[in-house]
Amino acid sequence: MTKLSVNINKIATLRNARGGDVPNLVQFAKDVQTFGAQGITIHPRPDERHIRYNDVYDLKPIVTTEYNIEGNPIRQFIDMVLEIKPTQVTLVPDAEDAITSNAGWDTLQHKDYLKEVIEEFKANGIRTSIFVDPVLKQMEGAMATGTDRIEIYTEAFAHHYNLGNEMAIKPYTDCAVLANSLGLGINAGHDLSLDNIQFFKNNIPDLLEVSIGHALISESLYFGIENVINMYLHRLK
């Protein structure tokens, strides 16, 4: 079964909007794990507009599933991850002013840099994943960095699938087949939802994990968080 990691950035955004502690991020993380989520994902940014750096530390003792920290590996981020030692770190090449992640790494151009960062994390027992576009040469470049896994950026798939184009899955399937042959574990995320997750999962061989936040939290406004988590788990079987 593909694991479901719930990205809780949007809960932090809602909390920050009022300046208090409602909703409580730590309690929410506890609850979604109780409801069946198999991981918690966060993506702290330098401006702390949603997840704050102190949240990363507060969450550490209560994540009993898998703790996945995403981010651009600037020195502050690297030092924090080395101190926290999460289950997984996902490297994302987002600019500081990006609204959300909008591109994967060029694993060929940045191979040496990624390799150096990944070696540091792996030496400290932290599983590594790098955010990549569904391009075959990027799978080969990812292998050369020494990463354990890739996270395939799925926004383009979600957009075209919503328009009725099921063939939008093909580059993702092709990349998954190649990644598997190269010994890379496969994660995926960005704009995956209840509408498209089952089709995506059924066409990606050996998909290990999906990280879902914006859609899952939005869907929970209508269906409730516990119900939505179970709906995702059913589709991921």
C-alpha atoms as a PDB file:
ATOM      1  CA  MET A   1       0.000   0.000   0.000  1.00  0.00           C
ATOM      2  CA  THR A   2       1.207   3.493  -0.850  1.00  0.00           C
ATOM      3  CA  LYS A   3       1.713   5.547   2.323  1.00  0.00           C
ATOM      4  CA  LEU A   4      -0.227   8.754   2.901  1.00  0.00           C
ATOM      5  CA  SER A   5       1.767  11.611   4.416  1.00  0.00           C
ATOM      6  CA  VAL A   6      -0.384  14.607   5.344  1.00  0.00           C
ATOM      7  CA  ASN A   7       1.150  18.011   4.714  1.00  0.00           C
ATOM      8  CA  ILE A   8      -0.066  20.275   7.529  1.00  0.00           C
ATOM      9  CA  ASN A   9       1.225  23.608   6.209  1.00  0.00           C
ATOM     10  CA  LYS A  10      -2.331  24.854   5.614  1.00  0.00           C
ATOM     11  CA  ILE A  11      -3.218  24.294   9.263  1.00  0.00           C
ATOM     12  CA  ALA A  12      -0.297  26.538  10.214  1.00  0.00           C
ATOM     13  CA  THR A  13      -1.496  29.135   7.679  1.00  0.00           C
ATOM     14  CA  LEU A  14      -4.940  29.167   9.284  1.00  0.00           C
ATOM     15  CA  ARG A  15      -3.433  29.456  12.766  1.00  0.00           C
ATOM     16  CA  ASN A  16      -1.136  32.295  11.753  1.00  0.00           C
ATOM     17  CA  ALA A  17      -4.012  34.263  10.230  1.00  0.00           C
ATOM     18  CA  ARG A  18      -5.303  35.096  13.733  1.00  0.00           C
ATOM     19  CA  GLY A  19      -1.974  35.233  15.527  1.00  0.00           C
ATOM     20  CA  GLY A  20      -2.944  32.732  18.205  1.00  0.00           C
ATOM     21  CA  ASP A  21      -2.778  28.973  18.550  1.00  0.00           C
ATOM     22  CA  VAL A  22      -6.061  27.890  16.962  1.00  0.00           C
ATOM     23  CA  PRO A  23      -6.057  25.444  15.328  1.00  0.00           C
ATOM     24  CA  ASN A  24      -3.303  23.842  17.365  1.00  0.00           C
ATOM     25  CA  LEU A  25      -0.779  22.359  14.965  1.00  0.00           C
ATOM     26  CA  VAL A  26       0.575  19.733  17.346  1.00  0.00           C
ATOM     27  CA  GLN A  27      -2.889  18.434  18.265  1.00  0.00           C
ATOM     28  CA  PHE A  28      -3.862  18.320  14.599  1.00  0.00           C
ATOM     29  CA  ALA A  29      -0.766  16.247  13.793  1.00  0.00           C
ATOM     30  CA  LYS A  30      -1.637  13.850  16.620  1.00  0.00           C
ATOM     31  CA  ASP A  31      -5.201  13.525  15.392  1.00  0.00           C
ATOM     32  CA  VAL A  32      -4.448  12.821  11.724  1.00  0.00           C
ATOM     33  CA  GLN A  33      -2.063  10.058  12.768  1.00  0.00           C
ATOM     34  CA  THR A  34      -4.788   8.595  14.988  1.00  0.00           C
ATOM     35  CA  PHE A  35      -7.150   8.749  12.002  1.00  0.00           C
ATOM     36  CA  GLY A  36      -4.731   6.651   9.922  1.00  0.00           C
ATOM     37  CA  ALA A  37      -2.236   8.996   8.247  1.00  0.00           C
ATOM     38  CA  GLN A  38       1.108   7.236   7.874  1.00  0.00           C
ATOM     39  CA  GLY A  39       3.241  10.345   7.920  1.00  0.00           C
ATOM     40  CA  ILE A  40       3.375  14.075   8.641  1.00  0.00           C
ATOM     41  CA  THR A  41       4.931  16.451   6.117  1.00  0.00           C
ATOM     42  CA  ILE A  42       5.927  20.060   6.743  1.00  0.00           C
ATOM     43  CA  HIS A  43       7.647  22.630   4.564  1.00  0.00           C
ATOM     44  CA  PRO A  44       9.172  25.464   6.613  1.00  0.00           C
ATOM     45  CA  ARG A  45      10.117  28.529   4.596  1.00  0.00           C
ATOM     46  CA  PRO A  46      12.509  31.315   5.597  1.00  0.00           C
ATOM     47  CA  ASP A  47       9.651  33.832   6.019  1.00  0.00           C
ATOM     48  CA  GLU A  48       7.756  31.362   8.268  1.00  0.00           C
ATOM     49  CA  ARG A  49       4.473  32.311   6.611  1.00  0.00           C
ATOM     50  CA  HIS A  50       2.984  28.949   7.548  1.00  0.00           C
ATOM     51  CA  ILE A  51       5.195  26.424   9.366  1.00  0.00           C
ATOM     52  CA  ARG A  52       7.496  28.199  11.806  1.00  0.00           C
ATOM     53  CA  TYR A  53      10.902  26.885  12.721  1.00  0.00           C
ATOM     54  CA  ASN A  54       9.814  26.300  16.309  1.00  0.00           C
ATOM     55  CA  ASP A  55       6.947  24.143  14.953  1.00  0.00           C
ATOM     56  CA  VAL A  56       9.531  21.770  13.532  1.00  0.00           C
ATOM     57  CA  TYR A  57      10.858  21.137  17.039  1.00  0.00           C
ATOM     58  CA  ASP A  58       7.409  20.995  18.664  1.00  0.00           C
ATOM     59  CA  LEU A  59       6.262  18.309  16.240  1.00  0.00           C
ATOM     60  CA  LYS A  60       9.302  16.066  16.616  1.00  0.00           C
ATOM     61  CA  PRO A  61       8.243  14.205  19.803  1.00  0.00           C
ATOM     62  CA  ILE A  62       4.644  13.612  18.697  1.00  0.00           C
ATOM     63  CA  VAL A  63       5.192  12.292  15.161  1.00  0.00           C
ATOM     64  CA  THR A  64       5.027   8.554  15.711  1.00  0.00           C
ATOM     65  CA  THR A  65       4.697   7.637  12.025  1.00  0.00           C
ATOM     66  CA  GLU A  66       7.086   9.191   9.473  1.00  0.00           C
ATOM     67  CA  TYR A  67       8.338  12.750   9.785  1.00  0.00           C
ATOM     68  CA  ASN A  68       9.077  14.349   6.405  1.00  0.00           C
ATOM     69  CA  ILE A  69      10.610  17.834   6.279  1.00  0.00           C
ATOM     70  CA  GLU A  70      10.652  19.586   2.898  1.00  0.00           C
ATOM     71  CA  GLY A  71      12.619  22.634   1.933  1.00  0.00           C
ATOM     72  CA  ASN A  72      15.355  24.382   0.032  1.00  0.00           C
ATOM     73  CA  PRO A  73      18.680  23.261   1.547  1.00  0.00           C
ATOM     74  CA  ILE A  74      19.985  26.630   2.645  1.00  0.00           C
ATOM     75  CA  ARG A  75      22.344  26.402   5.626  1.00  0.00           C
ATOM     76  CA  GLN A  76      19.672  27.236   8.218  1.00  0.00           C
ATOM     77  CA  PHE A  77      17.464  24.461   6.861  1.00  0.00           C
ATOM     78  CA  ILE A  78      20.299  21.935   6.743  1.00  0.00           C
ATOM     79  CA  ASP A  79      21.331  22.645  10.341  1.00  0.00           C
ATOM     80  CA  MET A  80      17.768  22.318  11.573  1.00  0.00           C
ATOM     81  CA  VAL A  81      17.216  18.988   9.787  1.00  0.00           C
ATOM     82  CA  LEU A  82      20.486  17.604  11.152  1.00  0.00           C
ATOM     83  CA  GLU A  83      19.362  18.520  14.659  1.00  0.00           C
ATOM     84  CA  ILE A  84      15.820  17.134  14.304  1.00  0.00           C
ATOM     85  CA  LYS A  85      16.811  13.980  12.380  1.00  0.00           C
ATOM     86  CA  PRO A  86      13.425  13.331  10.735  1.00  0.00           C
ATOM     87  CA  THR A  87      12.594  10.100   8.940  1.00  0.00           C
ATOM     88  CA  GLN A  88      13.016  11.837   5.591  1.00  0.00           C
ATOM     89  CA  VAL A  89      14.171  15.157   4.179  1.00  0.00           C
ATOM     90  CA  THR A  90      12.809  16.219   0.793  1.00  0.00           C
ATOM     91  CA  LEU A  91      14.929  18.780  -1.040  1.00  0.00           C
ATOM     92  CA  VAL A  92      12.914  21.334  -3.015  1.00  0.00           C
ATOM     93  CA  PRO A  93      14.479  24.114  -5.139  1.00  0.00           C
ATOM     94  CA  ASP A  94      11.894  26.779  -4.311  1.00  0.00           C
ATOM     95  CA  ALA A  95      12.717  30.458  -4.257  1.00  0.00           C
ATOM     96  CA  GLU A  96      12.168  32.295  -0.977  1.00  0.00           C
ATOM     97  CA  ASP A  97       9.284  34.301  -2.497  1.00  0.00           C
ATOM     98  CA  ALA A  98       7.554  31.343  -4.189  1.00  0.00           C
ATOM     99  CA  ILE A  99       3.884  30.941  -3.257  1.00  0.00           C
ATOM    100  CA  THR A 100       4.303  27.182  -3.543  1.00  0.00           C
ATOM    101  CA  SER A 101       6.779  24.761  -5.086  1.00  0.00           C
ATOM    102  CA  ASN A 102       6.655  25.164  -8.841  1.00  0.00           C
ATOM    103  CA  ALA A 103       9.528  23.143 -10.349  1.00  0.00           C
ATOM    104  CA  GLY A 104      11.799  20.231  -9.668  1.00  0.00           C
ATOM    105  CA  TRP A 105      15.587  20.187  -9.476  1.00  0.00           C
ATOM    106  CA  ASP A 106      17.752  20.127 -12.553  1.00  0.00           C
ATOM    107  CA  THR A 107      19.627  17.114 -11.225  1.00  0.00           C
ATOM    108  CA  LEU A 108      22.243  17.341 -13.959  1.00  0.00           C
ATOM    109  CA  GLN A 109      23.143  20.991 -13.440  1.00  0.00           C
ATOM    110  CA  HIS A 110      23.055  20.768  -9.643  1.00  0.00           C
ATOM    111  CA  LYS A 111      24.442  17.256  -9.266  1.00  0.00           C
ATOM    112  CA  ASP A 112      27.549  18.184  -7.271  1.00  0.00           C
ATOM    113  CA  TYR A 113      25.652  20.455  -4.897  1.00  0.00           C
ATOM    114  CA  LEU A 114      22.895  17.916  -4.294  1.00  0.00           C
ATOM    115  CA  LYS A 115      25.402  15.117  -3.836  1.00  0.00           C
ATOM    116  CA  GLU A 116      27.240  17.082  -1.138  1.00  0.00           C
ATOM    117  CA  VAL A 117      24.041  17.912   0.770  1.00  0.00           C
ATOM    118  CA  ILE A 118      22.658  14.382   0.450  1.00  0.00           C
ATOM    119  CA  GLU A 119      25.888  12.832   1.727  1.00  0.00           C
ATOM    120  CA  GLU A 120      25.646  15.007   4.845  1.00  0.00           C
ATOM    121  CA  PHE A 121      22.063  13.942   5.549  1.00  0.00           C
ATOM    122  CA  LYS A 122      22.671  10.259   4.861  1.00  0.00           C
ATOM    123  CA  ALA A 123      25.740  10.260   7.107  1.00  0.00           C
ATOM    124  CA  ASN A 124      23.347  11.274   9.885  1.00  0.00           C
ATOM    125  CA  GLY A 125      20.870   8.483   9.154  1.00  0.00           C
ATOM    126  CA  ILE A 126      18.261  10.628   7.388  1.00  0.00           C
ATOM    127  CA  ARG A 127      16.521   9.238   4.300  1.00  0.00           C
ATOM    128  CA  THR A 128      16.721  11.664   1.381  1.00  0.00           C
ATOM    129  CA  SER A 129      14.343  12.506  -1.433  1.00  0.00           C
ATOM    130  CA  ILE A 130      14.635  15.163  -4.131  1.00  0.00           C
ATOM    131  CA  PHE A 131      11.781  16.941  -5.916  1.00  0.00           C
ATOM    132  CA  VAL A 132      11.984  16.333  -9.670  1.00  0.00           C
ATOM    133  CA  ASP A 133       9.985  16.959 -12.822  1.00  0.00           C
ATOM    134  CA  PRO A 134       8.751  13.909 -14.793  1.00  0.00           C
ATOM    135  CA  VAL A 135      11.667  13.941 -17.236  1.00  0.00           C
ATOM    136  CA  LEU A 136      13.658  10.774 -17.906  1.00  0.00           C
ATOM    137  CA  LYS A 137      17.091  12.404 -17.848  1.00  0.00           C
ATOM    138  CA  GLN A 138      16.286  13.866 -14.433  1.00  0.00           C
ATOM    139  CA  MET A 139      15.807  10.336 -13.082  1.00  0.00           C
ATOM    140  CA  GLU A 140      19.307   9.427 -14.250  1.00  0.00           C
ATOM    141  CA  GLY A 141      20.676  12.643 -12.769  1.00  0.00           C
ATOM    142  CA  ALA A 142      18.932  11.909  -9.479  1.00  0.00           C
ATOM    143  CA  MET A 143      20.586   8.518  -9.231  1.00  0.00           C
ATOM    144  CA  ALA A 144      23.991  10.182  -9.622  1.00  0.00           C
ATOM    145  CA  THR A 145      23.327  12.397  -6.582  1.00  0.00           C
ATOM    146  CA  GLY A 146      23.072   9.394  -4.279  1.00  0.00           C
ATOM    147  CA  THR A 147      19.523  10.162  -3.149  1.00  0.00           C
ATOM    148  CA  ASP A 148      17.374   7.382  -1.721  1.00  0.00           C
ATOM    149  CA  ARG A 149      14.169   8.548  -3.370  1.00  0.00           C
ATOM    150  CA  ILE A 150      12.656  11.049  -5.747  1.00  0.00           C
ATOM    151  CA  GLU A 151       9.408  12.942  -5.315  1.00  0.00           C
ATOM    152  CA  ILE A 152       7.798  13.412  -8.711  1.00  0.00           C
ATOM    153  CA  TYR A 153       6.187  16.851  -9.140  1.00  0.00           C
ATOM    154  CA  THR A 154       2.586  16.139 -10.147  1.00  0.00           C
ATOM    155  CA  GLU A 155       1.017  19.543 -10.850  1.00  0.00           C
ATOM    156  CA  ALA A 156       1.026  19.074 -14.645  1.00  0.00           C
ATOM    157  CA  PHE A 157      -0.620  15.669 -14.339  1.00  0.00           C
ATOM    158  CA  ALA A 158      -3.336  17.032 -12.048  1.00  0.00           C
ATOM    159  CA  HIS A 159      -4.062  19.951 -14.376  1.00  0.00           C
ATOM    160  CA  HIS A 160      -4.377  17.855 -17.541  1.00  0.00           C
ATOM    161  CA  TYR A 161      -6.233  15.011 -15.833  1.00  0.00           C
ATOM    162  CA  ASN A 162      -8.804  17.554 -14.656  1.00  0.00           C
ATOM    163  CA  LEU A 163      -9.288  18.504 -18.313  1.00  0.00           C
ATOM    164  CA  GLY A 164      -9.983  14.869 -19.212  1.00  0.00           C
ATOM    165  CA  ASN A 165      -6.556  14.004 -20.601  1.00  0.00           C
ATOM    166  CA  GLU A 166      -5.664  10.659 -19.054  1.00  0.00           C
ATOM    167  CA  MET A 167      -2.592  10.381 -21.299  1.00  0.00           C
ATOM    168  CA  ALA A 168      -0.998  13.027 -19.079  1.00  0.00           C
ATOM    169  CA  ILE A 169       0.036  10.127 -16.869  1.00  0.00           C
ATOM    170  CA  LYS A 170       2.427   8.647 -19.452  1.00  0.00           C
ATOM    171  CA  PRO A 171       5.611  10.631 -18.630  1.00  0.00           C
ATOM    172  CA  TYR A 172       5.061   9.836 -14.953  1.00  0.00           C
ATOM    173  CA  THR A 173       4.693   6.122 -15.621  1.00  0.00           C
ATOM    174  CA  ASP A 174       7.776   6.144 -17.851  1.00  0.00           C
ATOM    175  CA  CYS A 175       9.811   7.956 -15.197  1.00  0.00           C
ATOM    176  CA  ALA A 176       8.624   5.580 -12.482  1.00  0.00           C
ATOM    177  CA  VAL A 177       9.661   2.551 -14.513  1.00  0.00           C
ATOM    178  CA  LEU A 178      13.111   4.050 -15.088  1.00  0.00           C
ATOM    179  CA  ALA A 179      13.481   5.176 -11.467  1.00  0.00           C
ATOM    180  CA  ASN A 180      12.616   1.695 -10.249  1.00  0.00           C
ATOM    181  CA  SER A 181      15.221   0.184 -12.575  1.00  0.00           C
ATOM    182  CA  LEU A 182      17.798   2.615 -11.153  1.00  0.00           C
ATOM    183  CA  GLY A 183      16.997   1.614  -7.589  1.00  0.00           C
ATOM    184  CA  LEU A 184      15.292   4.874  -6.636  1.00  0.00           C
ATOM    185  CA  GLY A 185      12.258   4.883  -4.354  1.00  0.00           C
ATOM    186  CA  ILE A 186       9.305   6.870  -5.686  1.00  0.00           C
ATOM    187  CA  ASN A 187       7.266   9.496  -3.836  1.00  0.00           C
ATOM    188  CA  ALA A 188       4.872  11.974  -5.418  1.00  0.00           C
ATOM    189  CA  GLY A 189       3.095  15.179  -4.562  1.00  0.00           C
ATOM    190  CA  HIS A 190       1.518  18.490  -5.575  1.00  0.00           C
ATOM    191  CA  ASP A 191      -2.158  18.937  -6.500  1.00  0.00           C
ATOM    192  CA  LEU A 192      -2.993  15.284  -5.926  1.00  0.00           C
ATOM    193  CA  SER A 193      -6.571  14.984  -4.678  1.00  0.00           C
ATOM    194  CA  LEU A 194      -9.439  12.580  -4.064  1.00  0.00           C
ATOM    195  CA  ASP A 195     -10.409  13.023  -7.721  1.00  0.00           C
ATOM    196  CA  ASN A 196      -7.108  11.910  -9.227  1.00  0.00           C
ATOM    197  CA  ILE A 197      -5.173   9.938  -6.602  1.00  0.00           C
ATOM    198  CA  GLN A 198      -6.504   6.474  -7.424  1.00  0.00           C
ATOM    199  CA  PHE A 199      -5.836   6.826 -11.157  1.00  0.00           C
ATOM    200  CA  PHE A 200      -2.352   8.159 -10.438  1.00  0.00           C
ATOM    201  CA  LYS A 201      -1.519   5.412  -7.972  1.00  0.00           C
ATOM    202  CA  ASN A 202      -2.774   2.670 -10.300  1.00  0.00           C
ATOM    203  CA  ASN A 203      -0.446   3.875 -13.069  1.00  0.00           C
ATOM    204  CA  ILE A 204       2.741   4.397 -11.047  1.00  0.00           C
ATOM    205  CA  PRO A 205       4.520   1.116 -10.300  1.00  0.00           C
ATOM    206  CA  ASP A 206       5.874   0.795  -6.751  1.00  0.00           C
ATOM    207  CA  LEU A 207       4.687   4.204  -5.591  1.00  0.00           C
ATOM    208  CA  LEU A 208       5.914   4.352  -1.991  1.00  0.00           C
ATOM    209  CA  GLU A 209       4.420   7.576  -0.647  1.00  0.00           C
ATOM    210  CA  VAL A 210       2.259  10.551  -1.539  1.00  0.00           C
ATOM    211  CA  SER A 211       2.389  13.859   0.295  1.00  0.00           C
ATOM    212  CA  ILE A 212      -0.925  15.717   0.172  1.00  0.00           C
ATOM    213  CA  GLY A 213      -1.834  18.947   1.884  1.00  0.00           C
ATOM    214  CA  HIS A 214      -3.802  21.679   0.102  1.00  0.00           C
ATOM    215  CA  ALA A 215      -6.406  19.397  -1.490  1.00  0.00           C
ATOM    216  CA  LEU A 216      -6.783  17.175   1.568  1.00  0.00           C
ATOM    217  CA  ILE A 217      -7.353  20.098   3.934  1.00  0.00           C
ATOM    218  CA  SER A 218      -9.761  21.754   1.471  1.00  0.00           C
ATOM    219  CA  GLU A 219     -11.739  18.540   1.018  1.00  0.00           C
ATOM    220  CA  SER A 220     -11.932  18.182   4.790  1.00  0.00           C
ATOM    221  CA  LEU A 221     -13.958  21.394   5.002  1.00  0.00           C
ATOM    222  CA  TYR A 222     -16.782  19.460   3.337  1.00  0.00           C
ATOM    223  CA  PHE A 223     -16.247  15.865   4.449  1.00  0.00           C
ATOM    224  CA  GLY A 224     -14.330  16.106   7.739  1.00  0.00           C
ATOM    225  CA  ILE A 225     -10.668  15.299   8.292  1.00  0.00           C
ATOM    226  CA  GLU A 226     -11.097  11.755   9.619  1.00  0.00           C
ATOM    227  CA  ASN A 227     -13.406  10.815   6.779  1.00  0.00           C
ATOM    228  CA  VAL A 228     -11.123  12.332   4.133  1.00  0.00           C
ATOM    229  CA  ILE A 229      -8.053  10.491   5.428  1.00  0.00           C
ATOM    230  CA  ASN A 230      -9.952   7.220   5.223  1.00  0.00           C
ATOM    231  CA  MET A 231     -11.112   8.083   1.702  1.00  0.00           C
ATOM    232  CA  TYR A 232      -7.487   8.571   0.647  1.00  0.00           C
ATOM    233  CA  LEU A 233      -6.372   5.363   2.349  1.00  0.00           C
ATOM    234  CA  HIS A 234      -9.094   3.443   0.530  1.00  0.00           C
ATOM    235  CA  ARG A 235      -8.022   4.871  -2.842  1.00  0.00           C
ATOM    236  CA  LEU A 236      -4.360   4.090  -2.124  1.00  0.00           C
ATOM    237  CA  LYS A 237      -4.918   0.399  -1.383  1.00  0.00           C
END
